[in-house]
Structures are given as structure tokens and as C-alpha cells.
Amino acid sequence: MQDVSAYCKLLAIGLPLLIEIKAVTFCGDSKASNLTIKNTPYHTEVCSFGEEICSTFAKMYPEVDRTYKLACEHEHSNCILIADTRLFVEGKWHTWIDYPKFHSLYKEWLESKKEFTAFDYMAETPPWAVYGAREKGFDPVETRVRKRGKQARINRAKRSEQKVEDGSTNDTRKEKI
């Protein structure tokens, strides 16, 4: 995560609507690679890198009619999404795809060659996926499993207490956030 200006030069060439930055997720040692956990950036570092790209691009290319901001994050995947601010409509990000609308537009294009853009089928980003949301990109209807760390220890202790109180033996090791 170095040489931000080089990444900004690439952005200036393509001017994409969306840029996903995905850090490596360490999955253990491998004979095929000498990477270790020390090579894995924290999510906060990935976010800082994305913010730096947005601000540096604006400084390097003030004449370009394009502004980028961090729109989404998924902390568990160590991933962020930088978006063109034209996708920020009426105070909300629209980084998702309305698939029925997309398929309808595609079918129309096949029949008439009527062109369409991402703005024609964009959908509002769920609040939990927006950058800075409390959920940090984790869908609250999903079950999150924590195997290590302070929160996992707290959850194990709660389950143990619950077992004692209700005589339960069901230990699913899952929690809702």
C-alpha cells in the first residue's frame, strides 16, 4: 500500500465508477509463498489507504470532473469500496445493482440496441454496508462466528452461563451482531 500517486494515475486513465480495494487475508503459512501475518494490513490501514487515494486524486486531477469517496466496507473481508460521488444520490449511496432492472435493460438492448449505463440500474446501498456503519459491512441478518479474541471469550462465557441457568447443552458457537 505504497505510491498512492501511481494508483491515482491509473484512476485518471480509466475513471471507473467503482474501485474495490481488497487486502490479503492471511490463511496460514505456505511453501509457495514467504508471506506471513506481518504482510497482512489491518482494516483500518486499508481504510486509510482508500481515503488517501481519494484525497490525492482530487489534488492531482482538479480539472477532472470526477470525485471519489469511500462508500462501502466489509471489515471481515478486509475490503473497501471507493465510489464516484455521482453514485451518492439524495444523501444515499447507490453502489448495488438492481438485477431485475439490469436484465430488463439488457433484454431491451438485445432487441433495439438501446444503450444504458450503470446509473440506469443502480440500487441503494443497504445502510449496514455503507462506510462507517456500526456493522462495518456485515449483514445483520447473517450469523457471525467469532473463534478468537476478547469478543469470542465473552460469548463463550455467556453461553456457559446460559447452559448453567437453563440446563442447555446446545452450543452452536454463533452470535448475532
C-alpha atoms as a PDB file:
ATOM      1  CA  MET A   1       0.000   0.000   0.000  1.00  0.00           C
ATOM      2  CA  GLN A   2       2.523   2.452  -1.258  1.00  0.00           C
ATOM      3  CA  ASP A   3       2.862   5.030  -4.017  1.00  0.00           C
ATOM      4  CA  VAL A   4      -0.678   6.369  -3.880  1.00  0.00           C
ATOM      5  CA  SER A   5       0.059   8.715  -6.790  1.00  0.00           C
ATOM      6  CA  ALA A   6       0.659   5.720  -9.087  1.00  0.00           C
ATOM      7  CA  TYR A   7      -2.802   4.352  -8.224  1.00  0.00           C
ATOM      8  CA  CYS A   8      -4.276   7.800  -8.869  1.00  0.00           C
ATOM      9  CA  LYS A   9      -2.649   7.849 -12.315  1.00  0.00           C
ATOM     10  CA  LEU A  10      -4.407   4.572 -13.101  1.00  0.00           C
ATOM     11  CA  LEU A  11      -7.721   6.041 -11.931  1.00  0.00           C
ATOM     12  CA  ALA A  12      -7.204   9.047 -14.196  1.00  0.00           C
ATOM     13  CA  ILE A  13      -6.787   6.733 -17.190  1.00  0.00           C
ATOM     14  CA  GLY A  14      -9.928   4.665 -16.625  1.00  0.00           C
ATOM     15  CA  LEU A  15     -12.107   6.953 -14.493  1.00  0.00           C
ATOM     16  CA  PRO A  16     -14.063   3.971 -13.116  1.00  0.00           C
ATOM     17  CA  LEU A  17     -17.289   4.321 -11.164  1.00  0.00           C
ATOM     18  CA  LEU A  18     -16.202   1.816  -8.523  1.00  0.00           C
ATOM     19  CA  ILE A  19     -12.837   0.702  -7.166  1.00  0.00           C
ATOM     20  CA  GLU A  20     -12.628  -2.223  -4.766  1.00  0.00           C
ATOM     21  CA  ILE A  21      -9.578  -2.475  -2.553  1.00  0.00           C
ATOM     22  CA  LYS A  22      -9.182  -5.916  -1.048  1.00  0.00           C
ATOM     23  CA  ALA A  23      -6.314  -6.637   1.291  1.00  0.00           C
ATOM     24  CA  VAL A  24      -4.825 -10.075   1.539  1.00  0.00           C
ATOM     25  CA  THR A  25      -6.495 -12.322   4.081  1.00  0.00           C
ATOM     26  CA  PHE A  26      -3.846 -14.417   5.785  1.00  0.00           C
ATOM     27  CA  CYS A  27      -4.730 -18.102   5.643  1.00  0.00           C
ATOM     28  CA  GLY A  28      -1.606 -19.606   7.160  1.00  0.00           C
ATOM     29  CA  ASP A  29       1.886 -20.426   6.042  1.00  0.00           C
ATOM     30  CA  SER A  30       2.522 -21.893   2.606  1.00  0.00           C
ATOM     31  CA  LYS A  31       5.551 -23.409   0.931  1.00  0.00           C
ATOM     32  CA  ALA A  32       4.541 -21.490  -2.216  1.00  0.00           C
ATOM     33  CA  SER A  33       4.938 -18.088  -0.544  1.00  0.00           C
ATOM     34  CA  ASN A  34       7.057 -16.369   2.047  1.00  0.00           C
ATOM     35  CA  LEU A  35       4.212 -14.053   3.120  1.00  0.00           C
ATOM     36  CA  THR A  36       3.363 -14.048   6.811  1.00  0.00           C
ATOM     37  CA  ILE A  37       0.740 -12.431   9.007  1.00  0.00           C
ATOM     38  CA  LYS A  38       3.073  -9.411   9.149  1.00  0.00           C
ATOM     39  CA  ASN A  39       2.276  -8.812   5.446  1.00  0.00           C
ATOM     40  CA  THR A  40      -1.456  -8.500   6.186  1.00  0.00           C
ATOM     41  CA  PRO A  41      -2.684  -4.930   6.727  1.00  0.00           C
ATOM     42  CA  TYR A  42      -5.332  -4.164   9.326  1.00  0.00           C
ATOM     43  CA  HIS A  43      -8.726  -2.981   8.101  1.00  0.00           C
ATOM     44  CA  THR A  44      -8.018   0.496   9.477  1.00  0.00           C
ATOM     45  CA  GLU A  45      -4.880   0.639   7.304  1.00  0.00           C
ATOM     46  CA  VAL A  46      -6.880  -0.369   4.215  1.00  0.00           C
ATOM     47  CA  CYS A  47      -9.431   2.356   5.005  1.00  0.00           C
ATOM     48  CA  SER A  48      -6.684   4.960   5.464  1.00  0.00           C
ATOM     49  CA  PHE A  49      -5.147   3.907   2.149  1.00  0.00           C
ATOM     50  CA  GLY A  50      -8.527   4.331   0.418  1.00  0.00           C
ATOM     51  CA  GLU A  51      -9.049   7.758   1.978  1.00  0.00           C
ATOM     52  CA  GLU A  52      -5.567   8.774   0.861  1.00  0.00           C
ATOM     53  CA  ILE A  53      -6.322   7.669  -2.705  1.00  0.00           C
ATOM     54  CA  CYS A  54      -9.496   9.786  -2.739  1.00  0.00           C
ATOM     55  CA  SER A  55      -7.823  12.925  -1.425  1.00  0.00           C
ATOM     56  CA  THR A  56      -4.665  12.520  -3.527  1.00  0.00           C
ATOM     57  CA  PHE A  57      -6.680  12.003  -6.714  1.00  0.00           C
ATOM     58  CA  ALA A  58      -8.598  15.237  -6.055  1.00  0.00           C
ATOM     59  CA  LYS A  59      -5.321  17.126  -5.577  1.00  0.00           C
ATOM     60  CA  MET A  60      -3.588  15.596  -8.597  1.00  0.00           C
ATOM     61  CA  TYR A  61      -6.507  15.999 -11.007  1.00  0.00           C
ATOM     62  CA  PRO A  62      -8.591  19.037 -10.001  1.00  0.00           C
ATOM     63  CA  GLU A  63      -9.619  19.545 -13.642  1.00  0.00           C
ATOM     64  CA  VAL A  64     -11.201  16.066 -13.887  1.00  0.00           C
ATOM     65  CA  ASP A  65     -14.953  16.019 -13.422  1.00  0.00           C
ATOM     66  CA  ARG A  66     -14.747  13.061 -11.045  1.00  0.00           C
ATOM     67  CA  THR A  67     -14.673  12.868  -7.259  1.00  0.00           C
ATOM     68  CA  TYR A  68     -14.192   9.700  -5.250  1.00  0.00           C
ATOM     69  CA  LYS A  69     -15.156   8.826  -1.663  1.00  0.00           C
ATOM     70  CA  LEU A  70     -15.207   5.681   0.431  1.00  0.00           C
ATOM     71  CA  ALA A  71     -18.712   4.290   0.012  1.00  0.00           C
ATOM     72  CA  CYS A  72     -18.703   0.788   1.487  1.00  0.00           C
ATOM     73  CA  GLU A  73     -16.677  -1.507   3.649  1.00  0.00           C
ATOM     74  CA  HIS A  74     -16.654  -5.119   4.738  1.00  0.00           C
ATOM     75  CA  GLU A  75     -14.341  -5.378   7.711  1.00  0.00           C
ATOM     76  CA  HIS A  76     -14.485  -9.177   7.895  1.00  0.00           C
ATOM     77  CA  SER A  77     -13.153  -9.401   4.306  1.00  0.00           C
ATOM     78  CA  ASN A  78     -10.724  -6.522   4.831  1.00  0.00           C
ATOM     79  CA  CYS A  79     -12.281  -4.818   1.835  1.00  0.00           C
ATOM     80  CA  ILE A  80     -13.454  -1.298   0.957  1.00  0.00           C
ATOM     81  CA  LEU A  81     -15.251   0.224  -1.993  1.00  0.00           C
ATOM     82  CA  ILE A  82     -14.339   3.625  -3.386  1.00  0.00           C
ATOM     83  CA  ALA A  83     -17.108   5.138  -5.491  1.00  0.00           C
ATOM     84  CA  ASP A  84     -17.616   8.014  -7.861  1.00  0.00           C
ATOM     85  CA  THR A  85     -19.686  10.559  -5.914  1.00  0.00           C
ATOM     86  CA  ARG A  86     -22.240  10.639  -8.725  1.00  0.00           C
ATOM     87  CA  LEU A  87     -23.467   7.394  -7.115  1.00  0.00           C
ATOM     88  CA  PHE A  88     -24.315   9.393  -3.964  1.00  0.00           C
ATOM     89  CA  VAL A  89     -27.894  10.364  -4.776  1.00  0.00           C
ATOM     90  CA  GLU A  90     -30.214  12.254  -2.430  1.00  0.00           C
ATOM     91  CA  GLY A  91     -27.900  11.656   0.514  1.00  0.00           C
ATOM     92  CA  LYS A  92     -27.520   7.887  -0.034  1.00  0.00           C
ATOM     93  CA  TRP A  93     -25.007   5.667  -1.796  1.00  0.00           C
ATOM     94  CA  HIS A  94     -26.235   3.596  -4.739  1.00  0.00           C
ATOM     95  CA  THR A  95     -23.478   1.028  -5.216  1.00  0.00           C
ATOM     96  CA  TRP A  96     -25.672  -2.053  -5.524  1.00  0.00           C
ATOM     97  CA  ILE A  97     -27.255  -3.494  -8.646  1.00  0.00           C
ATOM     98  CA  ASP A  98     -30.984  -3.710  -9.311  1.00  0.00           C
ATOM     99  CA  TYR A  99     -30.720  -7.042 -11.137  1.00  0.00           C
ATOM    100  CA  PRO A 100     -34.318  -7.179 -12.487  1.00  0.00           C
ATOM    101  CA  LYS A 101     -33.796  -3.688 -13.938  1.00  0.00           C
ATOM    102  CA  PHE A 102     -30.402  -4.672 -15.368  1.00  0.00           C
ATOM    103  CA  HIS A 103     -31.838  -7.770 -17.064  1.00  0.00           C
ATOM    104  CA  SER A 104     -34.733  -5.742 -18.435  1.00  0.00           C
ATOM    105  CA  LEU A 105     -32.335  -3.153 -19.869  1.00  0.00           C
ATOM    106  CA  TYR A 106     -30.120  -5.874 -21.305  1.00  0.00           C
ATOM    107  CA  LYS A 107     -33.079  -7.549 -22.985  1.00  0.00           C
ATOM    108  CA  GLU A 108     -34.107  -4.182 -24.424  1.00  0.00           C
ATOM    109  CA  TRP A 109     -30.548  -3.652 -25.668  1.00  0.00           C
ATOM    110  CA  LEU A 110     -30.556  -7.047 -27.395  1.00  0.00           C
ATOM    111  CA  GLU A 111     -33.781  -6.144 -29.193  1.00  0.00           C
ATOM    112  CA  SER A 112     -33.214  -2.481 -30.031  1.00  0.00           C
ATOM    113  CA  LYS A 113     -29.536  -1.762 -29.223  1.00  0.00           C
ATOM    114  CA  LYS A 114     -30.722   0.999 -26.850  1.00  0.00           C
ATOM    115  CA  GLU A 115     -27.691   1.785 -24.708  1.00  0.00           C
ATOM    116  CA  PHE A 116     -27.750   2.010 -20.926  1.00  0.00           C
ATOM    117  CA  THR A 117     -25.308   2.764 -18.117  1.00  0.00           C
ATOM    118  CA  ALA A 118     -24.815   1.767 -14.505  1.00  0.00           C
ATOM    119  CA  PHE A 119     -26.846   4.808 -13.478  1.00  0.00           C
ATOM    120  CA  ASP A 120     -29.900   3.175 -15.073  1.00  0.00           C
ATOM    121  CA  TYR A 121     -29.796   0.075 -12.844  1.00  0.00           C
ATOM    122  CA  MET A 122     -28.060   1.256  -9.685  1.00  0.00           C
ATOM    123  CA  ALA A 123     -29.705   0.387  -6.377  1.00  0.00           C
ATOM    124  CA  GLU A 124     -29.397   1.923  -2.934  1.00  0.00           C
ATOM    125  CA  THR A 125     -26.646   0.522  -0.741  1.00  0.00           C
ATOM    126  CA  PRO A 126     -28.034  -1.070   2.451  1.00  0.00           C
ATOM    127  CA  PRO A 127     -27.215   1.077   5.499  1.00  0.00           C
ATOM    128  CA  TRP A 128     -25.146  -1.694   7.126  1.00  0.00           C
ATOM    129  CA  ALA A 129     -22.794  -1.796   4.106  1.00  0.00           C
ATOM    130  CA  VAL A 130     -22.096   1.950   3.996  1.00  0.00           C
ATOM    131  CA  TYR A 131     -18.611   3.014   5.054  1.00  0.00           C
ATOM    132  CA  GLY A 132     -18.602   3.947   8.725  1.00  0.00           C
ATOM    133  CA  ALA A 133     -21.732   1.955   9.647  1.00  0.00           C
ATOM    134  CA  ARG A 134     -21.701   0.229  13.044  1.00  0.00           C
ATOM    135  CA  GLU A 135     -21.988  -3.179  11.321  1.00  0.00           C
ATOM    136  CA  LYS A 136     -18.876  -2.485   9.192  1.00  0.00           C
ATOM    137  CA  GLY A 137     -20.425  -4.244   6.190  1.00  0.00           C
ATOM    138  CA  PHE A 138     -21.672  -7.335   7.991  1.00  0.00           C
ATOM    139  CA  ASP A 139     -25.330  -8.005   7.130  1.00  0.00           C
ATOM    140  CA  PRO A 140     -27.177  -8.089  10.474  1.00  0.00           C
ATOM    141  CA  VAL A 141     -29.447 -10.938   9.327  1.00  0.00           C
ATOM    142  CA  GLU A 142     -26.383 -13.174   8.942  1.00  0.00           C
ATOM    143  CA  THR A 143     -24.751 -15.089  11.764  1.00  0.00           C
ATOM    144  CA  ARG A 144     -21.201 -14.126  12.563  1.00  0.00           C
ATOM    145  CA  VAL A 145     -18.872 -16.668  14.103  1.00  0.00           C
ATOM    146  CA  ARG A 146     -16.032 -15.384  16.269  1.00  0.00           C
ATOM    147  CA  LYS A 147     -13.460 -18.016  17.154  1.00  0.00           C
ATOM    148  CA  ARG A 148     -10.746 -15.867  18.750  1.00  0.00           C
ATOM    149  CA  GLY A 149     -10.262 -12.679  20.671  1.00  0.00           C
ATOM    150  CA  LYS A 150     -11.927 -10.834  23.500  1.00  0.00           C
ATOM    151  CA  GLN A 151     -15.442 -10.916  21.999  1.00  0.00           C
ATOM    152  CA  ALA A 152     -15.221 -14.693  21.465  1.00  0.00           C
ATOM    153  CA  ARG A 153     -14.213 -15.197  25.117  1.00  0.00           C
ATOM    154  CA  ILE A 154     -17.132 -13.028  26.260  1.00  0.00           C
ATOM    155  CA  ASN A 155     -19.547 -15.012  24.088  1.00  0.00           C
ATOM    156  CA  ARG A 156     -18.219 -18.359  25.357  1.00  0.00           C
ATOM    157  CA  ALA A 157     -18.673 -17.158  28.937  1.00  0.00           C
ATOM    158  CA  LYS A 158     -22.260 -16.056  28.183  1.00  0.00           C
ATOM    159  CA  ARG A 159     -23.052 -19.458  26.628  1.00  0.00           C
ATOM    160  CA  SER A 160     -21.597 -21.248  29.661  1.00  0.00           C
ATOM    161  CA  GLU A 161     -23.720 -19.128  31.997  1.00  0.00           C
ATOM    162  CA  GLN A 162     -26.793 -19.790  29.866  1.00  0.00           C
ATOM    163  CA  LYS A 163     -26.150 -23.558  29.967  1.00  0.00           C
ATOM    164  CA  VAL A 164     -25.967 -23.490  33.735  1.00  0.00           C
ATOM    165  CA  GLU A 165     -29.157 -21.425  34.011  1.00  0.00           C
ATOM    166  CA  ASP A 166     -31.328 -23.416  31.607  1.00  0.00           C
ATOM    167  CA  GLY A 167     -29.573 -26.787  31.579  1.00  0.00           C
ATOM    168  CA  SER A 168     -28.978 -26.398  27.826  1.00  0.00           C
ATOM    169  CA  THR A 169     -26.318 -28.413  26.025  1.00  0.00           C
ATOM    170  CA  ASN A 170     -26.769 -26.758  22.646  1.00  0.00           C
ATOM    171  CA  ASP A 171     -23.539 -24.848  21.882  1.00  0.00           C
ATOM    172  CA  THR A 172     -23.687 -23.512  18.332  1.00  0.00           C
ATOM    173  CA  ARG A 173     -20.748 -21.096  18.781  1.00  0.00           C
ATOM    174  CA  LYS A 174     -22.578 -18.486  16.735  1.00  0.00           C
ATOM    175  CA  GLU A 175     -23.589 -14.993  17.646  1.00  0.00           C
ATOM    176  CA  LYS A 176     -25.604 -12.198  16.139  1.00  0.00           C
ATOM    177  CA  ILE A 177     -24.017  -8.786  15.922  1.00  0.00           C
END
